Amino acid sequence: MADQRFHTVVAFDGAELHVEEDGPADAPVTVVLAHGWTLSTRAWRAQAEALAAAGDVRVLRYDQRGHGSSTPGEAWLEGVTGAAAQRFGPGPSVDQLGRDLAAVLDQLVPTGPVVLAGHSMGGMTIMALADQRPDLFAGSVSGGKGSGGNVSDGKVSGGKVSGVLLTNTSSGGLSRITLGFPELIAKPVRNSIVNTLRRIAANPGKADAVRAKQATGSRAAVVQTRWLLFGRRAPRAVVVECNEILKTCSSATLAGFFPALMVHDKRAALKNLAGVHVEVVAATRDRLTPLAHARRMADAIPGARLTVAPGAGHMVPMERPQVLTALLTKLIASARTRSDSAA
């Protein structure tokens, strides 16, 4: 992409977060795109290209810790602990990802307005940020103490985040997902997944060696990924590209973040998005973060709008990129209006 710039953001524990920047550095609105589990900045490629081509908006994509070109950090095994670690294994947490996103904003986006977009675990990252830093969200109602340790005074305040897009994500309850199977089948499948990922976590190098030999474009690989992550009509080229992204994710990260997803619960933090323009996106064939999860989030966030992509799967950013680009364009326009009014 022309005029692309790169940055390194240092997180609270020394993790180095790789950030890619497109569009004018002095654009009036900045969009920050957070990807999901086992993915990278490539998952948001279509949206970044489209928005940068439209002009007058700055787009930042970053690799989550341990993904892509970002390092895991010193606190990698300090996120999920205690009983949860005994059940699913130790690993990083969604709360750590919230702090990482705060570092990206603090170091690269000193002023607003900002539009945040998160896919899957990226959406959970935004919820963690809202829990820890409600002051960043325009019109957010703060009260009590979030997991980030912020004590608030119950006042309504304006922050630099003016819009949020949450796509194919969940505010909690993922330890009971069924992948579309009846519960009688889903329960042993869940147990098998937990056991398999714990074995991978114990010997990630061995798993890396096995995965390195797997073809991303074979018929079996395409069929498997289309079933799990896409709709039936997803283009083969898109599924293969997704497989290529997944293959670059280390087995240590693949297994390491699984516990974080299982214990993730940010339902109480959704209230901090009140007053922010929020768009929630779901897909009817999403096996990982089903439509019911999106409906609950949309119902819990005052004024949030739910868009459903019929026939699509979990990878809406790649399968139906135009849907998200259109919603991001709407959020950007709303952010510009807010900025003009403030001026």
C-alpha atoms as a PDB file:
ATOM      1  CA  MET A   1       0.000   0.000   0.000  1.00  0.00           C
ATOM      2  CA  ALA A   2       1.408   3.395  -0.970  1.00  0.00           C
ATOM      3  CA  ASP A   3       2.843   5.634   1.762  1.00  0.00           C
ATOM      4  CA  GLN A   4       2.414   2.960   4.433  1.00  0.00           C
ATOM      5  CA  ARG A   5       4.245   3.692   7.672  1.00  0.00           C
ATOM      6  CA  PHE A   6       5.252   1.399  10.521  1.00  0.00           C
ATOM      7  CA  HIS A   7       5.525   1.914  14.276  1.00  0.00           C
ATOM      8  CA  THR A   8       6.444  -0.076  17.358  1.00  0.00           C
ATOM      9  CA  VAL A   9       4.402   0.496  20.502  1.00  0.00           C
ATOM     10  CA  VAL A  10       5.871  -0.733  23.778  1.00  0.00           C
ATOM     11  CA  ALA A  11       3.256  -2.221  26.117  1.00  0.00           C
ATOM     12  CA  PHE A  12       3.207  -2.238  29.928  1.00  0.00           C
ATOM     13  CA  ASP A  13       5.349  -5.397  30.186  1.00  0.00           C
ATOM     14  CA  GLY A  14       7.739  -4.649  27.355  1.00  0.00           C
ATOM     15  CA  ALA A  15       5.774  -6.381  24.605  1.00  0.00           C
ATOM     16  CA  GLU A  16       6.560  -4.718  21.279  1.00  0.00           C
ATOM     17  CA  LEU A  17       3.411  -4.198  19.229  1.00  0.00           C
ATOM     18  CA  HIS A  18       3.786  -3.891  15.462  1.00  0.00           C
ATOM     19  CA  VAL A  19       1.575  -1.136  14.024  1.00  0.00           C
ATOM     20  CA  GLU A  20       0.873  -0.325  10.365  1.00  0.00           C
ATOM     21  CA  GLU A  21      -0.356   3.145   9.411  1.00  0.00           C
ATOM     22  CA  ASP A  22      -2.144   4.214   6.215  1.00  0.00           C
ATOM     23  CA  GLY A  23      -3.687   7.498   5.163  1.00  0.00           C
ATOM     24  CA  PRO A  24      -2.706  11.089   6.033  1.00  0.00           C
ATOM     25  CA  ALA A  25      -0.940  11.399   9.385  1.00  0.00           C
ATOM     26  CA  ASP A  26      -2.852  14.625  10.055  1.00  0.00           C
ATOM     27  CA  ALA A  27      -6.301  13.299   9.088  1.00  0.00           C
ATOM     28  CA  PRO A  28      -9.135  14.561  11.319  1.00  0.00           C
ATOM     29  CA  VAL A  29     -10.229  11.024  12.284  1.00  0.00           C
ATOM     30  CA  THR A  30      -8.154   7.956  13.184  1.00  0.00           C
ATOM     31  CA  VAL A  31      -9.458   4.403  12.830  1.00  0.00           C
ATOM     32  CA  VAL A  32      -7.782   1.660  14.892  1.00  0.00           C
ATOM     33  CA  LEU A  33      -8.383  -1.952  13.807  1.00  0.00           C
ATOM     34  CA  ALA A  34      -7.860  -4.840  16.261  1.00  0.00           C
ATOM     35  CA  HIS A  35      -7.780  -8.385  14.893  1.00  0.00           C
ATOM     36  CA  GLY A  36      -8.832 -11.694  16.382  1.00  0.00           C
ATOM     37  CA  TRP A  37      -7.237 -14.827  17.807  1.00  0.00           C
ATOM     38  CA  THR A  38      -4.534 -16.438  15.604  1.00  0.00           C
ATOM     39  CA  LEU A  39      -4.848 -13.676  12.974  1.00  0.00           C
ATOM     40  CA  SER A  40      -2.827 -10.564  12.118  1.00  0.00           C
ATOM     41  CA  THR A  41      -3.175  -7.132  10.542  1.00  0.00           C
ATOM     42  CA  ARG A  42      -3.814  -8.925   7.220  1.00  0.00           C
ATOM     43  CA  ALA A  43      -7.325  -9.806   8.367  1.00  0.00           C
ATOM     44  CA  TRP A  44      -8.245  -6.098   8.083  1.00  0.00           C
ATOM     45  CA  ARG A  45      -6.462  -5.546   4.748  1.00  0.00           C
ATOM     46  CA  ALA A  46      -9.604  -4.898   2.693  1.00  0.00           C
ATOM     47  CA  GLN A  47     -10.948  -2.251   5.084  1.00  0.00           C
ATOM     48  CA  ALA A  48      -7.579  -0.510   5.462  1.00  0.00           C
ATOM     49  CA  GLU A  49      -7.127  -0.301   1.694  1.00  0.00           C
ATOM     50  CA  ALA A  50     -10.647   0.966   1.065  1.00  0.00           C
ATOM     51  CA  LEU A  51     -10.560   3.604   3.796  1.00  0.00           C
ATOM     52  CA  ALA A  52      -7.080   4.823   2.864  1.00  0.00           C
ATOM     53  CA  ALA A  53      -8.138   5.090  -0.790  1.00  0.00           C
ATOM     54  CA  ALA A  54     -11.119   7.222   0.202  1.00  0.00           C
ATOM     55  CA  GLY A  55      -8.729   9.688   1.860  1.00  0.00           C
ATOM     56  CA  ASP A  56      -8.952  12.047   4.830  1.00  0.00           C
ATOM     57  CA  VAL A  57      -8.791   9.268   7.418  1.00  0.00           C
ATOM     58  CA  ARG A  58      -5.837   7.753   9.238  1.00  0.00           C
ATOM     59  CA  VAL A  59      -5.922   3.967   9.644  1.00  0.00           C
ATOM     60  CA  LEU A  60      -3.890   2.039  12.218  1.00  0.00           C
ATOM     61  CA  ARG A  61      -3.739  -1.749  12.245  1.00  0.00           C
ATOM     62  CA  TYR A  62      -1.705  -3.542  14.878  1.00  0.00           C
ATOM     63  CA  ASP A  63      -0.723  -7.119  15.657  1.00  0.00           C
ATOM     64  CA  GLN A  64      -1.970  -8.300  19.028  1.00  0.00           C
ATOM     65  CA  ARG A  65       0.765  -9.452  21.397  1.00  0.00           C
ATOM     66  CA  GLY A  66       2.274 -12.757  20.267  1.00  0.00           C
ATOM     67  CA  HIS A  67       0.645 -12.441  16.839  1.00  0.00           C
ATOM     68  CA  GLY A  68       2.176 -11.384  13.536  1.00  0.00           C
ATOM     69  CA  SER A  69       5.235  -9.234  14.148  1.00  0.00           C
ATOM     70  CA  SER A  70       4.415  -8.411  17.790  1.00  0.00           C
ATOM     71  CA  THR A  71       6.295 -10.000  20.686  1.00  0.00           C
ATOM     72  CA  PRO A  72       4.513 -11.801  23.555  1.00  0.00           C
ATOM     73  CA  GLY A  73       5.839  -9.683  26.425  1.00  0.00           C
ATOM     74  CA  GLU A  74       7.071 -10.591  29.891  1.00  0.00           C
ATOM     75  CA  ALA A  75       3.592 -11.080  31.389  1.00  0.00           C
ATOM     76  CA  TRP A  76       2.581 -13.793  28.909  1.00  0.00           C
ATOM     77  CA  LEU A  77       1.773 -16.407  31.566  1.00  0.00           C
ATOM     78  CA  GLU A  78       0.424 -13.956  34.145  1.00  0.00           C
ATOM     79  CA  GLY A  79      -2.957 -13.198  32.576  1.00  0.00           C
ATOM     80  CA  VAL A  80      -5.031 -16.322  33.254  1.00  0.00           C
ATOM     81  CA  THR A  81      -4.168 -17.789  36.652  1.00  0.00           C
ATOM     82  CA  GLY A  82      -5.706 -19.721  39.540  1.00  0.00           C
ATOM     83  CA  ALA A  83      -8.657 -22.043  38.987  1.00  0.00           C
ATOM     84  CA  ALA A  84      -9.101 -20.927  35.393  1.00  0.00           C
ATOM     85  CA  ALA A  85      -5.487 -21.830  34.621  1.00  0.00           C
ATOM     86  CA  GLN A  86      -5.974 -25.234  36.206  1.00  0.00           C
ATOM     87  CA  ARG A  87      -8.946 -25.878  33.940  1.00  0.00           C
ATOM     88  CA  PHE A  88      -7.772 -24.349  30.653  1.00  0.00           C
ATOM     89  CA  GLY A  89      -4.081 -23.654  31.204  1.00  0.00           C
ATOM     90  CA  PRO A  90      -2.161 -20.451  32.012  1.00  0.00           C
ATOM     91  CA  GLY A  91      -1.736 -17.720  29.436  1.00  0.00           C
ATOM     92  CA  PRO A  92      -2.228 -14.075  28.522  1.00  0.00           C
ATOM     93  CA  SER A  93      -5.567 -12.392  29.159  1.00  0.00           C
ATOM     94  CA  VAL A  94      -8.041 -10.154  27.407  1.00  0.00           C
ATOM     95  CA  ASP A  95      -7.344  -7.564  30.113  1.00  0.00           C
ATOM     96  CA  GLN A  96      -3.722  -7.478  28.954  1.00  0.00           C
ATOM     97  CA  LEU A  97      -4.969  -6.838  25.416  1.00  0.00           C
ATOM     98  CA  GLY A  98      -7.054  -3.934  26.695  1.00  0.00           C
ATOM     99  CA  ARG A  99      -3.930  -2.408  28.205  1.00  0.00           C
ATOM    100  CA  ASP A 100      -2.106  -2.968  24.909  1.00  0.00           C
ATOM    101  CA  LEU A 101      -4.803  -1.083  22.997  1.00  0.00           C
ATOM    102  CA  ALA A 102      -4.570   1.733  25.536  1.00  0.00           C
ATOM    103  CA  ALA A 103      -0.823   1.899  24.844  1.00  0.00           C
ATOM    104  CA  VAL A 104      -1.478   2.152  21.090  1.00  0.00           C
ATOM    105  CA  LEU A 105      -3.879   5.038  21.679  1.00  0.00           C
ATOM    106  CA  ASP A 106      -1.677   6.798  24.220  1.00  0.00           C
ATOM    107  CA  GLN A 107       1.458   6.575  22.104  1.00  0.00           C
ATOM    108  CA  LEU A 108       0.090   7.021  18.578  1.00  0.00           C
ATOM    109  CA  VAL A 109      -3.280   8.796  18.901  1.00  0.00           C
ATOM    110  CA  PRO A 110      -2.832  11.634  21.411  1.00  0.00           C
ATOM    111  CA  THR A 111      -6.090  13.329  20.392  1.00  0.00           C
ATOM    112  CA  GLY A 112      -9.421  12.274  18.985  1.00  0.00           C
ATOM    113  CA  PRO A 113     -11.739  11.600  17.491  1.00  0.00           C
ATOM    114  CA  VAL A 114     -11.003   7.887  17.193  1.00  0.00           C
ATOM    115  CA  VAL A 115     -13.059   5.019  15.791  1.00  0.00           C
ATOM    116  CA  LEU A 116     -12.212   1.566  17.177  1.00  0.00           C
ATOM    117  CA  ALA A 117     -13.044  -1.641  15.342  1.00  0.00           C
ATOM    118  CA  GLY A 118     -12.512  -5.115  16.736  1.00  0.00           C
ATOM    119  CA  HIS A 119     -13.045  -8.527  15.206  1.00  0.00           C
ATOM    120  CA  SER A 120     -13.567 -11.504  17.529  1.00  0.00           C
ATOM    121  CA  MET A 121     -10.827 -11.232  20.191  1.00  0.00           C
ATOM    122  CA  GLY A 122     -10.249  -7.696  18.913  1.00  0.00           C
ATOM    123  CA  GLY A 123     -13.789  -6.817  19.939  1.00  0.00           C
ATOM    124  CA  MET A 124     -13.133  -8.301  23.363  1.00  0.00           C
ATOM    125  CA  THR A 125     -10.029  -6.103  23.507  1.00  0.00           C
ATOM    126  CA  ILE A 126     -12.179  -3.000  23.046  1.00  0.00           C
ATOM    127  CA  MET A 127     -14.527  -4.178  25.822  1.00  0.00           C
ATOM    128  CA  ALA A 128     -11.539  -4.619  28.135  1.00  0.00           C
ATOM    129  CA  LEU A 129     -10.385  -1.107  27.290  1.00  0.00           C
ATOM    130  CA  ALA A 130     -13.865   0.246  28.044  1.00  0.00           C
ATOM    131  CA  ASP A 131     -13.734  -1.541  31.401  1.00  0.00           C
ATOM    132  CA  GLN A 132     -10.279  -0.197  32.279  1.00  0.00           C
ATOM    133  CA  ARG A 133     -10.445   3.265  30.719  1.00  0.00           C
ATOM    134  CA  PRO A 134     -14.046   4.506  30.542  1.00  0.00           C
ATOM    135  CA  ASP A 135     -12.637   8.037  30.341  1.00  0.00           C
ATOM    136  CA  LEU A 136     -11.596   7.352  26.738  1.00  0.00           C
ATOM    137  CA  PHE A 137     -15.152   6.860  25.541  1.00  0.00           C
ATOM    138  CA  ALA A 138     -17.270   9.848  24.584  1.00  0.00           C
ATOM    139  CA  GLY A 139     -20.293  10.152  26.811  1.00  0.00           C
ATOM    140  CA  SER A 140     -19.381   7.025  28.775  1.00  0.00           C
ATOM    141  CA  VAL A 141     -20.993   6.710  32.198  1.00  0.00           C
ATOM    142  CA  SER A 142     -18.320   5.725  34.671  1.00  0.00           C
ATOM    143  CA  GLY A 143     -19.007   4.274  38.066  1.00  0.00           C
ATOM    144  CA  GLY A 144     -17.279   1.901  40.425  1.00  0.00           C
ATOM    145  CA  LYS A 145     -13.966   0.236  39.744  1.00  0.00           C
ATOM    146  CA  GLY A 146     -13.072  -1.656  36.567  1.00  0.00           C
ATOM    147  CA  SER A 147     -10.627  -4.529  36.338  1.00  0.00           C
ATOM    148  CA  GLY A 148      -7.998  -2.054  35.201  1.00  0.00           C
ATOM    149  CA  GLY A 149      -8.128  -0.384  38.603  1.00  0.00           C
ATOM    150  CA  ASN A 150      -9.791   2.868  37.495  1.00  0.00           C
ATOM    151  CA  VAL A 151     -11.924   4.472  40.186  1.00  0.00           C
ATOM    152  CA  SER A 152     -14.558   6.770  38.730  1.00  0.00           C
ATOM    153  CA  ASP A 153     -16.898   9.385  40.115  1.00  0.00           C
ATOM    154  CA  GLY A 154     -20.138   8.489  38.338  1.00  0.00           C
ATOM    155  CA  LYS A 155     -19.988  11.481  36.017  1.00  0.00           C
ATOM    156  CA  VAL A 156     -20.659  11.502  32.298  1.00  0.00           C
ATOM    157  CA  SER A 157     -17.535  12.537  30.432  1.00  0.00           C
ATOM    158  CA  GLY A 158     -16.394  12.849  26.838  1.00  0.00           C
ATOM    159  CA  GLY A 159     -13.366  10.941  25.573  1.00  0.00           C
ATOM    160  CA  LYS A 160     -11.488  10.676  22.320  1.00  0.00           C
ATOM    161  CA  VAL A 161     -13.214   7.442  21.221  1.00  0.00           C
ATOM    162  CA  SER A 162     -16.376   8.457  19.417  1.00  0.00           C
ATOM    163  CA  GLY A 163     -17.297   5.265  17.564  1.00  0.00           C
ATOM    164  CA  VAL A 164     -16.968   1.494  17.999  1.00  0.00           C
ATOM    165  CA  LEU A 165     -17.484  -1.410  15.613  1.00  0.00           C
ATOM    166  CA  LEU A 166     -17.760  -4.862  17.195  1.00  0.00           C
ATOM    167  CA  THR A 167     -17.890  -7.702  14.691  1.00  0.00           C
ATOM    168  CA  ASN A 168     -18.148 -11.448  15.273  1.00  0.00           C
ATOM    169  CA  THR A 169     -17.367 -11.142  18.946  1.00  0.00           C
ATOM    170  CA  SER A 170     -18.775 -11.864  22.389  1.00  0.00           C
ATOM    171  CA  SER A 171     -18.945 -10.262  25.815  1.00  0.00           C
ATOM    172  CA  GLY A 172     -18.630 -13.650  27.557  1.00  0.00           C
ATOM    173  CA  GLY A 173     -19.853 -17.207  27.887  1.00  0.00           C
ATOM    174  CA  LEU A 174     -17.629 -18.764  25.225  1.00  0.00           C
ATOM    175  CA  SER A 175     -16.755 -21.773  27.373  1.00  0.00           C
ATOM    176  CA  ARG A 176     -20.203 -23.133  26.458  1.00  0.00           C
ATOM    177  CA  ILE A 177     -20.068 -22.693  22.686  1.00  0.00           C
ATOM    178  CA  THR A 178     -21.381 -25.627  20.676  1.00  0.00           C
ATOM    179  CA  LEU A 179     -19.849 -24.981  17.211  1.00  0.00           C
ATOM    180  CA  GLY A 180     -23.329 -25.657  15.913  1.00  0.00           C
ATOM    181  CA  PHE A 181     -23.515 -29.178  17.354  1.00  0.00           C
ATOM    182  CA  PRO A 182     -26.226 -30.473  19.712  1.00  0.00           C
ATOM    183  CA  GLU A 183     -25.023 -30.229  23.323  1.00  0.00           C
ATOM    184  CA  LEU A 184     -24.725 -34.026  23.540  1.00  0.00           C
ATOM    185  CA  ILE A 185     -21.980 -33.817  20.914  1.00  0.00           C
ATOM    186  CA  ALA A 186     -20.692 -30.351  21.765  1.00  0.00           C
ATOM    187  CA  LYS A 187     -19.618 -31.229  25.313  1.00  0.00           C
ATOM    188  CA  PRO A 188     -17.114 -33.959  24.378  1.00  0.00           C
ATOM    189  CA  VAL A 189     -15.927 -31.798  21.469  1.00  0.00           C
ATOM    190  CA  ARG A 190     -15.207 -28.934  23.892  1.00  0.00           C
ATOM    191  CA  ASN A 191     -13.330 -31.274  26.219  1.00  0.00           C
ATOM    192  CA  SER A 192     -11.299 -32.602  23.303  1.00  0.00           C
ATOM    193  CA  ILE A 193     -10.380 -29.065  22.204  1.00  0.00           C
ATOM    194  CA  VAL A 194      -9.232 -28.151  25.716  1.00  0.00           C
ATOM    195  CA  ASN A 195      -7.090 -31.290  25.996  1.00  0.00           C
ATOM    196  CA  THR A 196      -5.594 -30.837  22.522  1.00  0.00           C
ATOM    197  CA  LEU A 197      -4.657 -27.208  23.126  1.00  0.00           C
ATOM    198  CA  ARG A 198      -3.122 -28.018  26.503  1.00  0.00           C
ATOM    199  CA  ARG A 199      -0.929 -30.625  24.789  1.00  0.00           C
ATOM    200  CA  ILE A 200       0.069 -28.044  22.173  1.00  0.00           C
ATOM    201  CA  ALA A 201       0.895 -25.526  24.907  1.00  0.00           C
ATOM    202  CA  ALA A 202       3.147 -28.101  26.554  1.00  0.00           C
ATOM    203  CA  ASN A 203       5.135 -28.683  23.341  1.00  0.00           C
ATOM    204  CA  PRO A 204       4.468 -25.872  20.852  1.00  0.00           C
ATOM    205  CA  GLY A 205       7.613 -26.598  18.855  1.00  0.00           C
ATOM    206  CA  LYS A 206       6.354 -30.048  17.916  1.00  0.00           C
ATOM    207  CA  ALA A 207       3.003 -28.592  16.871  1.00  0.00           C
ATOM    208  CA  ASP A 208       4.781 -25.929  14.792  1.00  0.00           C
ATOM    209  CA  ALA A 209       6.663 -28.645  12.909  1.00  0.00           C
ATOM    210  CA  VAL A 210       3.442 -30.484  12.094  1.00  0.00           C
ATOM    211  CA  ARG A 211       1.582 -27.331  11.033  1.00  0.00           C
ATOM    212  CA  ALA A 212       4.482 -26.208   8.825  1.00  0.00           C
ATOM    213  CA  LYS A 213       3.888 -29.223   6.586  1.00  0.00           C
ATOM    214  CA  GLN A 214       0.169 -28.542   6.136  1.00  0.00           C
ATOM    215  CA  ALA A 215      -0.874 -27.071   2.784  1.00  0.00           C
ATOM    216  CA  THR A 216      -3.037 -23.946   2.996  1.00  0.00           C
ATOM    217  CA  GLY A 217      -4.694 -24.493  -0.373  1.00  0.00           C
ATOM    218  CA  SER A 218      -5.422 -28.202  -0.303  1.00  0.00           C
ATOM    219  CA  ARG A 219      -8.996 -29.333  -0.725  1.00  0.00           C
ATOM    220  CA  ALA A 220      -9.101 -30.670   2.830  1.00  0.00           C
ATOM    221  CA  ALA A 221      -7.704 -27.447   4.299  1.00  0.00           C
ATOM    222  CA  VAL A 222     -10.175 -25.288   2.390  1.00  0.00           C
ATOM    223  CA  VAL A 223     -13.155 -27.471   3.301  1.00  0.00           C
ATOM    224  CA  GLN A 224     -12.194 -27.527   6.980  1.00  0.00           C
ATOM    225  CA  THR A 225     -11.643 -23.764   7.280  1.00  0.00           C
ATOM    226  CA  ARG A 226     -14.740 -22.904   5.251  1.00  0.00           C
ATOM    227  CA  TRP A 227     -16.834 -25.080   7.576  1.00  0.00           C
ATOM    228  CA  LEU A 228     -15.405 -23.563  10.755  1.00  0.00           C
ATOM    229  CA  LEU A 229     -14.887 -19.904   9.823  1.00  0.00           C
ATOM    230  CA  PHE A 230     -16.835 -19.024   6.664  1.00  0.00           C
ATOM    231  CA  GLY A 231     -20.162 -19.340   4.934  1.00  0.00           C
ATOM    232  CA  ARG A 232     -20.756 -21.966   2.283  1.00  0.00           C
ATOM    233  CA  ARG A 233     -20.314 -19.515  -0.583  1.00  0.00           C
ATOM    234  CA  ALA A 234     -17.103 -17.881   0.608  1.00  0.00           C
ATOM    235  CA  PRO A 235     -14.620 -17.561  -2.294  1.00  0.00           C
ATOM    236  CA  ARG A 236     -11.869 -20.158  -2.242  1.00  0.00           C
ATOM    237  CA  ALA A 237      -9.170 -17.487  -2.578  1.00  0.00           C
ATOM    238  CA  VAL A 238     -10.392 -15.772   0.595  1.00  0.00           C
ATOM    239  CA  VAL A 239     -10.400 -19.045   2.528  1.00  0.00           C
ATOM    240  CA  VAL A 240      -6.875 -19.831   1.344  1.00  0.00           C
ATOM    241  CA  GLU A 241      -5.681 -16.362   2.375  1.00  0.00           C
ATOM    242  CA  CYS A 242      -7.171 -16.943   5.807  1.00  0.00           C
ATOM    243  CA  ASN A 243      -5.352 -20.275   6.031  1.00  0.00           C
ATOM    244  CA  GLU A 244      -2.119 -18.489   5.176  1.00  0.00           C
ATOM    245  CA  ILE A 245      -2.669 -16.010   8.012  1.00  0.00           C
ATOM    246  CA  LEU A 246      -3.509 -18.801  10.455  1.00  0.00           C
ATOM    247  CA  LYS A 247      -0.390 -20.747   9.488  1.00  0.00           C
ATOM    248  CA  THR A 248       1.861 -17.814  10.419  1.00  0.00           C
ATOM    249  CA  CYS A 249       0.484 -17.827  13.968  1.00  0.00           C
ATOM    250  CA  SER A 250       2.778 -19.742  16.310  1.00  0.00           C
ATOM    251  CA  SER A 251       1.423 -22.737  18.168  1.00  0.00           C
ATOM    252  CA  ALA A 252       2.412 -21.057  21.438  1.00  0.00           C
ATOM    253  CA  THR A 253       0.031 -18.208  20.615  1.00  0.00           C
ATOM    254  CA  LEU A 254      -2.649 -20.539  19.259  1.00  0.00           C
ATOM    255  CA  ALA A 255      -2.761 -22.466  22.526  1.00  0.00           C
ATOM    256  CA  GLY A 256      -1.746 -19.593  24.775  1.00  0.00           C
ATOM    257  CA  PHE A 257      -4.732 -17.354  24.123  1.00  0.00           C
ATOM    258  CA  PHE A 258      -7.376 -20.087  24.301  1.00  0.00           C
ATOM    259  CA  PRO A 259      -7.767 -19.790  28.109  1.00  0.00           C
ATOM    260  CA  ALA A 260      -8.295 -16.027  27.760  1.00  0.00           C
ATOM    261  CA  LEU A 261     -11.248 -16.595  25.455  1.00  0.00           C
ATOM    262  CA  MET A 262     -12.781 -19.198  27.731  1.00  0.00           C
ATOM    263  CA  VAL A 263     -12.737 -16.964  30.831  1.00  0.00           C
ATOM    264  CA  HIS A 264     -13.504 -13.686  29.032  1.00  0.00           C
ATOM    265  CA  ASP A 265     -16.466 -11.858  30.602  1.00  0.00           C
ATOM    266  CA  LYS A 266     -16.961  -8.172  29.929  1.00  0.00           C
ATOM    267  CA  ARG A 267     -20.748  -7.994  30.063  1.00  0.00           C
ATOM    268  CA  ALA A 268     -20.599  -5.444  32.873  1.00  0.00           C
ATOM    269  CA  ALA A 269     -18.279  -3.214  30.843  1.00  0.00           C
ATOM    270  CA  LEU A 270     -20.733  -2.756  27.979  1.00  0.00           C
ATOM    271  CA  LYS A 271     -22.445   0.049  29.870  1.00  0.00           C
ATOM    272  CA  ASN A 272     -19.313   2.140  29.402  1.00  0.00           C
ATOM    273  CA  LEU A 273     -20.065   2.267  25.679  1.00  0.00           C
ATOM    274  CA  ALA A 274     -23.287   4.178  26.312  1.00  0.00           C
ATOM    275  CA  GLY A 275     -23.186   7.469  24.467  1.00  0.00           C
ATOM    276  CA  VAL A 276     -20.726   6.152  21.866  1.00  0.00           C
ATOM    277  CA  HIS A 277     -21.909   5.362  18.330  1.00  0.00           C
ATOM    278  CA  VAL A 278     -21.741   1.551  18.367  1.00  0.00           C
ATOM    279  CA  GLU A 279     -22.267  -0.829  15.456  1.00  0.00           C
ATOM    280  CA  VAL A 280     -22.490  -4.568  16.219  1.00  0.00           C
ATOM    281  CA  VAL A 281     -22.107  -7.081  13.400  1.00  0.00           C
ATOM    282  CA  ALA A 282     -22.929 -10.777  13.429  1.00  0.00           C
ATOM    283  CA  ALA A 283     -23.272 -13.583  10.902  1.00  0.00           C
ATOM    284  CA  THR A 284     -25.861 -16.327  10.711  1.00  0.00           C
ATOM    285  CA  ARG A 285     -23.264 -19.097  10.194  1.00  0.00           C
ATOM    286  CA  ASP A 286     -20.773 -17.949  12.826  1.00  0.00           C
ATOM    287  CA  ARG A 287     -19.870 -21.064  14.818  1.00  0.00           C
ATOM    288  CA  LEU A 288     -17.408 -19.359  17.197  1.00  0.00           C
ATOM    289  CA  THR A 289     -19.341 -16.251  18.289  1.00  0.00           C
ATOM    290  CA  PRO A 290     -22.963 -17.045  17.437  1.00  0.00           C
ATOM    291  CA  LEU A 291     -25.633 -14.498  16.586  1.00  0.00           C
ATOM    292  CA  ALA A 292     -27.181 -14.802  20.055  1.00  0.00           C
ATOM    293  CA  HIS A 293     -24.014 -13.304  21.568  1.00  0.00           C
ATOM    294  CA  ALA A 294     -24.271 -10.284  19.270  1.00  0.00           C
ATOM    295  CA  ARG A 295     -27.932  -9.780  20.107  1.00  0.00           C
ATOM    296  CA  ARG A 296     -27.137  -9.735  23.825  1.00  0.00           C
ATOM    297  CA  MET A 297     -24.405  -7.146  23.298  1.00  0.00           C
ATOM    298  CA  ALA A 298     -26.605  -4.932  21.139  1.00  0.00           C
ATOM    299  CA  ASP A 299     -29.382  -5.120  23.731  1.00  0.00           C
ATOM    300  CA  ALA A 300     -26.956  -4.201  26.534  1.00  0.00           C
ATOM    301  CA  ILE A 301     -25.501  -1.129  24.807  1.00  0.00           C
ATOM    302  CA  PRO A 302     -27.994   1.756  24.595  1.00  0.00           C
ATOM    303  CA  GLY A 303     -28.375   2.924  21.011  1.00  0.00           C
ATOM    304  CA  ALA A 304     -26.268   0.152  19.502  1.00  0.00           C
ATOM    305  CA  ARG A 305     -27.298  -1.025  16.040  1.00  0.00           C
ATOM    306  CA  LEU A 306     -27.093  -4.682  15.021  1.00  0.00           C
ATOM    307  CA  THR A 307     -26.279  -5.709  11.449  1.00  0.00           C
ATOM    308  CA  VAL A 308     -26.554  -9.393  10.487  1.00  0.00           C
ATOM    309  CA  ALA A 309     -24.678 -10.825   7.503  1.00  0.00           C
ATOM    310  CA  PRO A 310     -26.835 -13.694   6.226  1.00  0.00           C
ATOM    311  CA  GLY A 311     -24.984 -16.811   5.171  1.00  0.00           C
ATOM    312  CA  ALA A 312     -21.594 -15.545   6.351  1.00  0.00           C
ATOM    313  CA  GLY A 313     -19.352 -17.117   8.962  1.00  0.00           C
ATOM    314  CA  HIS A 314     -16.958 -15.868  11.612  1.00  0.00           C
ATOM    315  CA  MET A 315     -14.599 -14.103   9.200  1.00  0.00           C
ATOM    316  CA  VAL A 316     -16.870 -11.256   8.072  1.00  0.00           C
ATOM    317  CA  PRO A 317     -13.902  -8.843   7.662  1.00  0.00           C
ATOM    318  CA  MET A 318     -12.608 -11.098   4.873  1.00  0.00           C
ATOM    319  CA  GLU A 319     -15.807 -12.734   3.625  1.00  0.00           C
ATOM    320  CA  ARG A 320     -18.012  -9.621   3.499  1.00  0.00           C
ATOM    321  CA  PRO A 321     -15.483  -6.761   3.642  1.00  0.00           C
ATOM    322  CA  GLN A 322     -17.846  -4.239   2.055  1.00  0.00           C
ATOM    323  CA  VAL A 323     -20.293  -4.599   4.962  1.00  0.00           C
ATOM    324  CA  LEU A 324     -17.703  -3.479   7.495  1.00  0.00           C
ATOM    325  CA  THR A 325     -16.225  -0.801   5.258  1.00  0.00           C
ATOM    326  CA  ALA A 326     -19.666   0.768   4.889  1.00  0.00           C
ATOM    327  CA  LEU A 327     -20.233   0.752   8.654  1.00  0.00           C
ATOM    328  CA  LEU A 328     -16.777   2.161   9.329  1.00  0.00           C
ATOM    329  CA  THR A 329     -17.469   4.930   6.822  1.00  0.00           C
ATOM    330  CA  LYS A 330     -20.626   5.749   8.758  1.00  0.00           C
ATOM    331  CA  LEU A 331     -18.740   5.818  12.054  1.00  0.00           C
ATOM    332  CA  ILE A 332     -16.062   8.054  10.548  1.00  0.00           C
ATOM    333  CA  ALA A 333     -18.699  10.500   9.312  1.00  0.00           C
ATOM    334  CA  SER A 334     -20.274  10.553  12.770  1.00  0.00           C
ATOM    335  CA  ALA A 335     -16.858  11.180  14.333  1.00  0.00           C
ATOM    336  CA  ARG A 336     -16.225  14.075  11.962  1.00  0.00           C
ATOM    337  CA  THR A 337     -19.581  15.587  12.875  1.00  0.00           C
ATOM    338  CA  ARG A 338     -18.755  15.327  16.563  1.00  0.00           C
ATOM    339  CA  SER A 339     -15.357  16.929  15.962  1.00  0.00           C
ATOM    340  CA  ASP A 340     -16.868  19.790  13.990  1.00  0.00           C
ATOM    341  CA  SER A 341     -19.477  20.387  16.702  1.00  0.00           C
ATOM    342  CA  ALA A 342     -16.799  20.449  19.400  1.00  0.00           C
ATOM    343  CA  ALA A 343     -14.825  22.965  17.388  1.00  0.00           C
END
